[in-house]
């Protein structure tokens, strides 16, 4: 057993995410997928476990999320997005085909886009119902599910507001995922003023996070002035960590500058941005909570351990980690090679030599400095554009699935104009 591991049997029986949560009692672990898929995924994880480990794995996974006793599970919330909702349809095609066909039968004149929106909202609504008992049990502190707006509307404030109010009305424990565009921050202010909780998504950089916090502060001031009930409100701000490094211009700019960026440098860049925003929020006692997503294993250090810096380097923080099934699976497979989490890691600075190298790259500078970008630039930011495009393609795939049910039902398509992809 490598040095640094705890040998206590009770500790070793904990799931790696339970160990992470112990670094800060206010740390939250969320499920980054629809709750509708958890049972099937967990069953598969148990099946693939070695015989001697099946019972331990079954108990660990039941502690993460128990649909029958959600008030006692480790997961404190859920994030979804268009690709994740599309995954529900791909894994349960018969059920959702039947749902759409019933909507077609009972709603004469229904258009393809209208049927799609009904299906999309129903996926969110069913997921919200599965964790609603946790919302009640925790007095509205936990048990939220995030439903994302159509990413094709990222620059259309009025249509986003209309859709946001529809999604918020699905259940009291729904947070509306709003884009990191100028219009998205205007929307976050408005929803906050109405007492509706939000999750800022397609967000990658410090200027976006500050814009979100400022929008939330303005919205809260309006809510207090209008005596709006804050009972179902909370705010989380998503850092799409790996998408910053993989979809941006870091590698290209490093080549142009004659710099060699290692995997460690890229991970430090992603972590540095998160740490800076987190500590700014803490200094200003801001009520929004930072959320780490798009986590990846790595970097590869060749020392016999499996690094996962997106968790390791911010452990001990009062934040949310939202974990997709594939990432949890990789963590579990590498659990005997992971280092023990350090509760003080969030306060450790980025190495000076690494930060000095990164500050030579304009893409990092504009993402790290407080005033690195204006709100008008957010929608042209490379990671924003790439992610919005990917999420928009998932929306189109779900619309195509819906259209096929019209064809199977012998009904002509009633078309509405589609928004353009950002």
Foldseek 3Di string as FASTA:
>chain_A
DDPQDDPDPVVVLAAPVVLLCVLAVLEAEAAEAFPVCLVVLLVVLLVPDPPVCNVSSNVNSCQQAPLVCRLRHRHFEYEYFLVRLLVVCVVVVVVLLVVLLVCCVVPPPDFLVNSLLVSLLVSVLVSLVSQVVNCVVVQNPTSAYEREDQLLCLPPLVVSLVVQVVSCVSDLRYAYEFELFPSSLLSLLVCLLQLGAYEYPLDAFQQSLVSNLVSNVNSPVNNVVVVHDNSNYAYEYEHLQVLLLPQACQVVQCVVVVHDDDPVLSNLLSLLRVLLSQVVCVVVVGRYAYEYENFDWDDDDPPQATHGCSSQQQRLGSHYYHDYSVRSSVCVVRVVRHRRHDNCNSVDHRPPVSVVSQVVGLLSVLRRDNPSDDSNCSCVGRSSLVVQQVSNVSSVVSSVSSVVSCVVSVHDHDDDDDRDRD
